[in-house]
Amino acid sequence: EVQVKLVIYDALGRKIRTLANGFLPVGTHAVAWDGLDAAGTVVGNGFYLVELRAGAARTTSKLLLLK
């Protein structure tokens, strides 16, 4: 198992929602984002950043949300 954290940020770097935070077995996993922030409010169209931390590894990717 490895500690995994998956977080969505807006284009200004503000945290929108944490989608995963805990231990997962090593392997491939899928997570779906429903376009809601942490309060359950629908977020607007636009670019978001997705940060994935798995153990010592860290990666950030761009995400375009269109409805």
Protein backbone atom coordinates (compact mmCIF):
# COMPACT_ATOMS: atom_id res chain seq x y z
CA GLU A 1 0.00 0.00 0.00
CA VAL A 2 1.03 3.58 -0.61
CA GLN A 3 -0.24 6.92 0.73
CA VAL A 4 -2.18 8.67 -2.07
CA LYS A 5 -3.59 12.19 -2.21
CA LEU A 6 -5.45 13.60 -5.22
CA VAL A 7 -6.46 17.27 -5.06
CA ILE A 8 -8.17 19.65 -7.53
CA TYR A 9 -7.10 23.33 -7.53
CA ASP A 10 -8.48 26.27 -9.51
CA ALA A 11 -6.28 28.29 -11.87
CA LEU A 12 -5.32 30.62 -8.98
CA GLY A 13 -4.09 27.72 -6.85
CA ARG A 14 -7.02 27.59 -4.42
CA LYS A 15 -7.97 24.10 -3.29
CA ILE A 16 -11.34 23.09 -4.73
CA ARG A 17 -11.70 19.50 -3.56
CA THR A 18 -9.76 16.49 -2.32
CA LEU A 19 -10.81 13.41 -4.29
CA ALA A 20 -8.59 10.83 -2.60
CA ASN A 21 -6.62 10.85 0.63
CA GLY A 22 -5.49 7.58 2.14
CA PHE A 23 -3.71 4.33 1.51
CA LEU A 24 -4.33 2.40 -1.71
CA PRO A 25 -2.83 -0.86 -2.92
CA VAL A 26 -0.17 -0.51 -5.61
CA GLY A 27 -1.76 -0.68 -9.07
CA THR A 28 -4.05 1.22 -11.39
CA HIS A 29 -7.02 3.12 -9.97
CA ALA A 30 -9.68 5.42 -11.41
CA VAL A 31 -11.28 8.47 -9.80
CA ALA A 32 -14.13 10.52 -11.26
CA TRP A 33 -14.75 14.18 -10.42
CA ASP A 34 -18.38 15.31 -10.59
CA GLY A 35 -17.52 19.01 -11.02
CA LEU A 36 -18.43 19.93 -7.45
CA ASP A 37 -16.26 21.71 -4.89
CA ALA A 38 -15.80 20.60 -1.27
CA ALA A 39 -19.07 22.34 -0.26
CA GLY A 40 -21.06 20.55 -2.97
CA THR A 41 -21.38 23.61 -5.20
CA VAL A 42 -21.03 23.26 -8.97
CA VAL A 43 -17.81 24.86 -10.21
CA GLY A 44 -17.56 26.80 -13.45
CA ASN A 45 -16.08 25.81 -16.79
CA GLY A 46 -12.36 26.41 -17.11
CA PHE A 47 -8.89 25.15 -16.35
CA TYR A 48 -8.09 23.36 -13.12
CA LEU A 49 -4.95 21.74 -11.76
CA VAL A 50 -4.87 18.16 -10.54
CA GLU A 51 -2.15 17.24 -8.06
CA LEU A 52 -1.41 13.57 -7.40
CA ARG A 53 0.90 12.52 -4.58
CA ALA A 54 1.71 8.83 -4.26
CA GLY A 55 4.40 8.04 -1.74
CA ALA A 56 7.40 10.24 -2.58
CA ALA A 57 6.17 10.89 -6.15
CA ARG A 58 4.27 14.06 -7.05
CA THR A 59 2.78 15.17 -10.35
CA THR A 60 0.56 18.06 -11.43
CA SER A 61 -1.58 18.11 -14.58
CA LYS A 62 -3.96 20.57 -16.23
CA LEU A 63 -7.65 19.72 -16.53
CA LEU A 64 -10.21 21.47 -18.71
CA LEU A 65 -13.75 21.24 -17.34
CA LEU A 66 -16.51 21.75 -19.90
CA LYS A 67 -20.19 21.14 -19.22
